[in-house]
Amino acid sequence: MPPIVSTDTETVPGPLIEAVPNFSEGRRPDVIAQVTAAFTTASPDVALLDSSSDPDHNRTVLTLAGPAEGLLDAVVSGARSCMELIDLTAHSGVHPRIGSLDVVPFVPLGGVPLAICADLARAAGRRLAGELGLPVFLYGAAAVRPGHVALPAVRGRGFEALAEASADPARRPDLGGPGPHPTAGAAAVGARPFLIAYNVDLVSQDLDLVRRIAAAVRERDGGLPAVRAIGLRLPERGRVQVSMNLLDFTVTPPAVAFDAVARLAAAAGVEVAGSELIGLVPEAALDGLDADLRAAVDADDRIIERRLAAALGRAQGA
């Protein structure tokens, strides 16, 4: 895939990289604010490009950008805050998770090689395990075991099954452990190309139906290429959702994924309630998107190129 965004990195000390920490809190605004501050105040070189929280998922996704050293400090600081403020033994949410800081992918921007992000992920994993005692699974391009390349394989059956999994040497964390932290679980830290988190809600509460639709559209079960999908019930919204990761939007863009879900829902006599993009998206991914969603993305200026340009502009003016 070509670079998602061309960046002028003269204003920051080193290649510019994106980090997308996902932490397991989407309901308590005070905790979300404290954890976000921990990620964003650890280094002056790290910019917060976006924050997205969801109470049904009980999860917050941050988009950070900065040089490698700054992102390392940010991730360690944020992980420490997650461990202090989020207890997974008292946590519930529809999204799969293994940790209070659940997953941290590092993503190349501009011409940065993916290998640099893989090295950064391994360095972050070593610090999380060594400094905080947080077990780490390395995934994606940072994986050191073939079975840990895909994030769903790392998550397995979630936090509640981590202790049982640690008894099997093949399923233990790559760093730290072997057992999980008692309240913070473990973190998946990796490197990957840019992906788009895209959800389609249906006017239904039929969990079996939405799971069948998710299975039909995901690549693993013969559906759309470069698509991962799960079916979820959203109690707060009174709907069900096909929650997707589009691993390569040049292969399957959001518009194609939406059409596939809408077609299957219509065949079952169910209407689409709407769709949402989580985090930021490249401008090129918006072609053919539903007009209402396109307008919402434009109104919130959730295009990564624009947010990054604004962040770099602030750095130049500092």
Protein backbone atom coordinates (compact mmCIF):
# COMPACT_ATOMS: atom_id res chain seq x y z
CA MET A 1 0.00 0.00 0.00
CA PRO A 2 1.33 3.50 -0.74
CA PRO A 3 1.88 5.90 2.18
CA ILE A 4 -1.43 6.99 3.70
CA VAL A 5 -0.26 10.56 4.17
CA SER A 6 2.80 12.49 3.15
CA THR A 7 4.30 14.28 6.15
CA ASP A 8 6.77 17.07 6.65
CA THR A 9 8.78 15.76 9.62
CA GLU A 10 11.22 18.66 9.92
CA THR A 11 9.26 19.96 12.92
CA VAL A 12 9.69 16.78 14.97
CA PRO A 13 12.87 14.91 16.02
CA GLY A 14 12.63 11.79 13.86
CA PRO A 15 10.21 9.92 11.60
CA LEU A 16 6.55 10.53 12.35
CA ILE A 17 4.57 7.49 13.49
CA GLU A 18 0.96 6.95 14.53
CA ALA A 19 -0.04 5.05 17.68
CA VAL A 20 -3.65 4.01 18.34
CA PRO A 21 -4.07 2.99 22.00
CA ASN A 22 -7.39 1.25 22.76
CA PHE A 23 -8.22 1.20 26.47
CA SER A 24 -11.11 -0.46 28.27
CA GLU A 25 -13.16 2.50 29.45
CA GLY A 26 -15.95 4.25 27.59
CA ARG A 27 -18.43 5.15 30.30
CA ARG A 28 -16.67 7.21 32.98
CA PRO A 29 -15.69 10.63 31.58
CA ASP A 30 -13.38 11.40 34.49
CA VAL A 31 -11.37 8.22 33.96
CA ILE A 32 -11.27 8.73 30.20
CA ALA A 33 -9.94 12.25 30.74
CA GLN A 34 -7.26 11.11 33.21
CA VAL A 35 -6.03 8.28 31.00
CA THR A 36 -6.03 10.49 27.92
CA ALA A 37 -3.99 13.11 29.78
CA ALA A 38 -1.46 10.46 30.77
CA PHE A 39 -0.98 9.52 27.12
CA THR A 40 -0.78 13.09 25.86
CA THR A 41 1.31 14.90 28.49
CA ALA A 42 4.21 12.48 28.77
CA SER A 43 6.04 14.00 25.79
CA PRO A 44 5.72 17.45 24.19
CA ASP A 45 6.42 15.87 20.79
CA VAL A 46 3.27 13.72 20.81
CA ALA A 47 0.02 15.12 19.41
CA LEU A 48 -3.48 13.83 20.12
CA LEU A 49 -5.22 13.69 16.75
CA ASP A 50 -8.49 12.07 17.86
CA SER A 51 -10.39 10.45 20.72
CA SER A 52 -13.47 8.23 20.37
CA SER A 53 -15.39 6.61 23.25
CA ASP A 54 -18.35 4.22 23.21
CA PRO A 55 -20.37 3.12 26.28
CA ASP A 56 -21.66 -0.14 24.74
CA HIS A 57 -18.14 -1.19 23.76
CA ASN A 58 -16.91 0.39 27.04
CA ARG A 59 -13.80 1.40 25.18
CA THR A 60 -11.88 4.49 24.08
CA VAL A 61 -9.66 4.75 21.02
CA LEU A 62 -6.99 7.47 20.85
CA THR A 63 -5.03 8.46 17.78
CA LEU A 64 -1.57 9.84 18.58
CA ALA A 65 1.24 10.97 16.30
CA GLY A 66 4.85 11.74 17.07
CA PRO A 67 8.43 10.48 16.91
CA ALA A 68 9.37 7.08 18.28
CA GLU A 69 10.88 8.16 21.60
CA GLY A 70 7.95 10.44 22.41
CA LEU A 71 5.43 7.70 21.64
CA LEU A 72 7.32 5.25 23.85
CA ASP A 73 7.04 7.60 26.82
CA ALA A 74 3.38 8.28 26.01
CA VAL A 75 2.45 4.59 25.87
CA VAL A 76 4.21 3.77 29.15
CA SER A 77 2.56 6.73 30.89
CA GLY A 78 -0.85 5.84 29.50
CA ALA A 79 -0.49 2.18 30.41
CA ARG A 80 0.40 3.10 33.98
CA SER A 81 -2.76 5.20 34.22
CA CYS A 82 -4.89 2.40 32.76
CA MET A 83 -3.51 -0.04 35.31
CA GLU A 84 -4.25 2.36 38.18
CA LEU A 85 -7.76 3.38 37.12
CA ILE A 86 -9.31 0.43 35.25
CA ASP A 87 -10.07 -2.89 36.96
CA LEU A 88 -11.05 -5.53 34.43
CA THR A 89 -12.55 -7.76 37.12
CA ALA A 90 -15.31 -5.11 37.39
CA HIS A 91 -15.45 -4.28 33.68
CA SER A 92 -18.14 -5.18 31.15
CA GLY A 93 -18.58 -4.27 27.52
CA VAL A 94 -19.47 -5.88 24.21
CA HIS A 95 -16.03 -5.44 22.64
CA PRO A 96 -13.48 -8.26 23.10
CA ARG A 97 -10.56 -7.24 25.38
CA ILE A 98 -7.63 -8.74 27.26
CA GLY A 99 -6.40 -5.71 29.15
CA SER A 100 -7.15 -2.35 30.71
CA LEU A 101 -4.82 -1.10 28.00
CA ASP A 102 -6.07 -3.60 25.48
CA VAL A 103 -4.13 -2.96 22.30
CA VAL A 104 -1.53 -0.50 20.98
CA PRO A 105 -0.69 -0.67 17.28
CA PHE A 106 2.08 1.48 15.80
CA VAL A 107 1.35 2.60 12.24
CA PRO A 108 3.78 4.13 9.71
CA LEU A 109 3.04 7.60 8.33
CA GLY A 110 4.56 8.97 5.15
CA GLY A 111 7.49 6.89 4.01
CA VAL A 112 8.31 5.32 7.38
CA PRO A 113 9.04 1.58 6.93
CA LEU A 114 6.76 -0.82 8.78
CA ALA A 115 9.89 -2.47 10.19
CA ILE A 116 10.61 0.68 12.23
CA CYS A 117 7.15 0.44 13.75
CA ALA A 118 7.75 -3.25 14.54
CA ASP A 119 10.96 -2.37 16.37
CA LEU A 120 9.12 0.38 18.24
CA ALA A 121 6.37 -2.03 19.27
CA ARG A 122 8.90 -4.49 20.66
CA ALA A 123 10.65 -1.68 22.56
CA ALA A 124 7.31 -0.56 23.99
CA GLY A 125 6.51 -4.13 24.99
CA ARG A 126 9.80 -4.47 26.82
CA ARG A 127 9.16 -1.28 28.78
CA LEU A 128 5.58 -2.23 29.67
CA ALA A 129 6.66 -5.63 30.93
CA GLY A 130 9.88 -4.45 32.60
CA GLU A 131 8.75 -1.17 34.16
CA LEU A 132 5.08 -1.87 34.89
CA GLY A 133 4.86 -5.65 35.18
CA LEU A 134 2.27 -5.75 32.41
CA PRO A 135 2.39 -8.92 30.28
CA VAL A 136 2.59 -8.19 26.54
CA PHE A 137 1.63 -10.09 23.40
CA LEU A 138 3.44 -8.89 20.29
CA TYR A 139 1.30 -9.02 17.15
CA GLY A 140 1.20 -7.98 13.52
CA ALA A 141 4.56 -7.10 12.01
CA ALA A 142 6.05 -7.11 15.53
CA ALA A 143 5.05 -10.72 16.24
CA VAL A 144 7.79 -13.09 17.33
CA ARG A 145 5.59 -16.20 17.08
CA PRO A 146 3.57 -17.20 14.01
CA GLY A 147 0.47 -17.79 16.07
CA HIS A 148 0.47 -14.19 17.31
CA VAL A 149 0.38 -12.36 13.98
CA ALA A 150 -3.41 -11.89 13.89
CA LEU A 151 -4.90 -9.83 16.71
CA PRO A 152 -8.01 -12.03 17.13
CA ALA A 153 -5.74 -15.03 17.75
CA VAL A 154 -3.91 -13.09 20.46
CA ARG A 155 -7.14 -12.04 22.17
CA GLY A 156 -8.48 -15.58 22.22
CA ARG A 157 -11.36 -15.80 24.67
CA GLY A 158 -10.49 -12.54 26.42
CA PHE A 159 -9.33 -11.40 29.84
CA GLU A 160 -11.28 -14.05 31.73
CA ALA A 161 -9.39 -16.84 29.94
CA LEU A 162 -5.87 -15.40 30.26
CA ALA A 163 -4.96 -17.27 33.44
CA GLU A 164 -6.00 -20.58 31.89
CA ALA A 165 -4.12 -19.75 28.67
CA SER A 166 -0.91 -19.00 30.58
CA ALA A 167 -0.69 -22.67 31.56
CA ASP A 168 0.00 -23.48 27.89
CA PRO A 169 3.51 -22.37 26.81
CA ALA A 170 2.27 -21.76 23.27
CA ARG A 171 -0.34 -19.26 24.51
CA ARG A 172 1.70 -17.34 27.07
CA PRO A 173 2.60 -13.67 26.63
CA ASP A 174 5.76 -12.87 24.68
CA LEU A 175 7.02 -10.54 27.41
CA GLY A 176 6.32 -10.68 31.14
CA GLY A 177 3.88 -13.02 32.79
CA PRO A 178 3.34 -15.87 32.29
CA GLY A 179 0.14 -15.14 34.18
CA PRO A 180 -1.92 -11.98 33.61
CA HIS A 181 -1.85 -8.94 35.84
CA PRO A 182 -4.71 -9.55 38.30
CA THR A 183 -6.71 -6.42 37.38
CA ALA A 184 -5.06 -5.10 34.20
CA GLY A 185 -4.74 -8.38 32.28
CA ALA A 186 -2.28 -8.04 29.41
CA ALA A 187 -1.69 -5.76 26.44
CA ALA A 188 -1.36 -6.55 22.75
CA VAL A 189 1.32 -4.33 21.22
CA GLY A 190 2.01 -4.48 17.52
CA ALA A 191 2.76 -2.86 14.20
CA ARG A 192 0.49 -2.79 11.18
CA PRO A 193 -0.45 -0.72 8.16
CA PHE A 194 -3.29 1.77 8.44
CA LEU A 195 -6.73 0.21 8.99
CA ILE A 196 -10.23 1.65 9.25
CA ALA A 197 -12.59 0.74 12.09
CA TYR A 198 -16.07 0.85 10.57
CA ASN A 199 -19.38 -0.15 12.14
CA VAL A 200 -22.84 -0.64 10.63
CA ASP A 201 -25.87 -0.63 12.97
CA LEU A 202 -29.06 -2.53 12.17
CA VAL A 203 -32.63 -1.85 13.34
CA SER A 204 -32.84 -5.16 15.13
CA GLN A 205 -31.89 -6.86 18.38
CA ASP A 206 -31.33 -10.24 16.72
CA LEU A 207 -27.80 -11.22 17.78
CA ASP A 208 -27.83 -14.46 15.79
CA LEU A 209 -28.68 -12.55 12.61
CA VAL A 210 -25.95 -9.97 13.01
CA ARG A 211 -23.41 -12.67 13.76
CA ARG A 212 -24.40 -14.46 10.56
CA ILE A 213 -24.00 -11.24 8.60
CA ALA A 214 -20.59 -10.60 10.17
CA ALA A 215 -19.48 -14.10 9.24
CA ALA A 216 -20.69 -13.61 5.68
CA VAL A 217 -18.70 -10.39 5.14
CA ARG A 218 -15.42 -11.26 6.86
CA GLU A 219 -12.54 -12.64 4.86
CA ARG A 220 -11.85 -15.56 7.19
CA ASP A 221 -15.20 -17.13 6.32
CA GLY A 222 -15.07 -16.43 2.59
CA GLY A 223 -16.41 -12.87 2.56
CA LEU A 224 -14.81 -9.59 1.58
CA PRO A 225 -11.01 -9.46 1.27
CA ALA A 226 -9.08 -7.67 4.03
CA VAL A 227 -12.13 -7.49 6.31
CA ARG A 228 -12.51 -8.68 9.90
CA ALA A 229 -16.00 -8.52 11.38
CA ILE A 230 -17.93 -9.49 14.49
CA GLY A 231 -21.61 -9.16 15.36
CA LEU A 232 -22.50 -7.34 18.59
CA ARG A 233 -25.62 -6.32 20.51
CA LEU A 234 -25.63 -2.66 21.69
CA PRO A 235 -27.86 -2.41 24.79
CA GLU A 236 -27.55 1.37 25.07
CA ARG A 237 -28.75 1.86 21.48
CA GLY A 238 -31.22 -1.02 21.38
CA ARG A 239 -29.65 -2.31 18.16
CA VAL A 240 -27.18 -4.81 16.84
CA GLN A 241 -23.97 -3.92 15.03
CA VAL A 242 -21.58 -5.37 12.50
CA SER A 243 -18.24 -4.12 13.81
CA MET A 244 -15.52 -4.28 11.16
CA ASN A 245 -11.83 -3.68 10.71
CA LEU A 246 -10.99 -2.85 7.10
CA LEU A 247 -7.36 -3.94 6.90
CA ASP A 248 -6.77 -2.40 3.47
CA PHE A 249 -9.27 0.20 2.30
CA THR A 250 -7.80 0.13 -1.20
CA VAL A 251 -9.02 -3.48 -1.45
CA THR A 252 -12.32 -3.13 0.44
CA PRO A 253 -13.31 0.49 1.12
CA PRO A 254 -16.04 1.45 3.60
CA ALA A 255 -18.60 1.94 0.83
CA VAL A 256 -18.19 -1.65 -0.36
CA ALA A 257 -18.39 -3.02 3.19
CA PHE A 258 -21.55 -0.99 3.84
CA ASP A 259 -23.23 -2.24 0.68
CA ALA A 260 -22.48 -5.85 1.57
CA VAL A 261 -23.93 -5.53 5.07
CA ALA A 262 -26.96 -3.57 3.86
CA ARG A 263 -27.70 -6.16 1.17
CA LEU A 264 -27.59 -9.05 3.64
CA ALA A 265 -29.70 -7.16 6.16
CA ALA A 266 -32.28 -6.32 3.52
CA ALA A 267 -32.48 -9.97 2.51
CA ALA A 268 -33.43 -10.72 6.13
CA GLY A 269 -36.02 -7.92 6.18
CA VAL A 270 -33.91 -5.65 8.42
CA GLU A 271 -33.11 -1.98 7.86
CA VAL A 272 -29.75 -0.29 8.36
CA ALA A 273 -29.89 2.28 11.18
CA GLY A 274 -26.64 3.98 10.21
CA SER A 275 -22.90 3.56 10.15
CA GLU A 276 -19.90 5.11 11.87
CA LEU A 277 -16.19 5.46 11.37
CA ILE A 278 -14.13 5.14 14.53
CA GLY A 279 -11.08 7.36 14.73
CA LEU A 280 -9.63 9.03 11.64
CA VAL A 281 -9.71 8.03 7.99
CA PRO A 282 -7.68 8.91 4.90
CA GLU A 283 -9.47 11.18 2.45
CA ALA A 284 -9.12 8.57 -0.28
CA ALA A 285 -11.25 6.13 1.75
CA LEU A 286 -14.36 8.31 1.53
CA ASP A 287 -15.16 7.67 -2.14
CA GLY A 288 -18.67 6.28 -2.50
CA LEU A 289 -19.47 6.64 1.20
CA ASP A 290 -23.03 7.27 2.38
CA ALA A 291 -23.74 11.00 2.00
CA ASP A 292 -24.83 11.50 5.62
CA LEU A 293 -21.72 9.79 7.00
CA ARG A 294 -19.48 11.67 4.57
CA ALA A 295 -21.03 14.94 5.75
CA ALA A 296 -20.49 13.97 9.40
CA VAL A 297 -16.83 13.08 8.76
CA ASP A 298 -16.30 16.38 6.96
CA ALA A 299 -18.10 18.35 9.66
CA ASP A 300 -15.90 16.84 12.39
CA ASP A 301 -12.83 17.19 10.15
CA ARG A 302 -11.95 13.57 10.88
CA ILE A 303 -9.63 13.22 7.91
CA ILE A 304 -6.21 12.12 9.09
CA GLU A 305 -4.34 14.27 6.59
CA ARG A 306 -6.10 17.40 7.90
CA ARG A 307 -5.64 16.56 11.59
CA LEU A 308 -1.99 15.77 11.03
CA ALA A 309 -1.40 18.96 9.07
CA ALA A 310 -3.02 20.94 11.87
CA ALA A 311 -0.86 19.23 14.50
CA LEU A 312 2.30 19.91 12.53
CA GLY A 313 1.20 23.51 12.07
CA ARG A 314 0.86 23.90 15.83
CA ALA A 315 4.31 22.39 16.31
CA GLN A 316 5.81 24.89 13.88
CA GLY A 317 4.11 27.76 15.68
CA ALA A 318 5.22 26.63 19.15
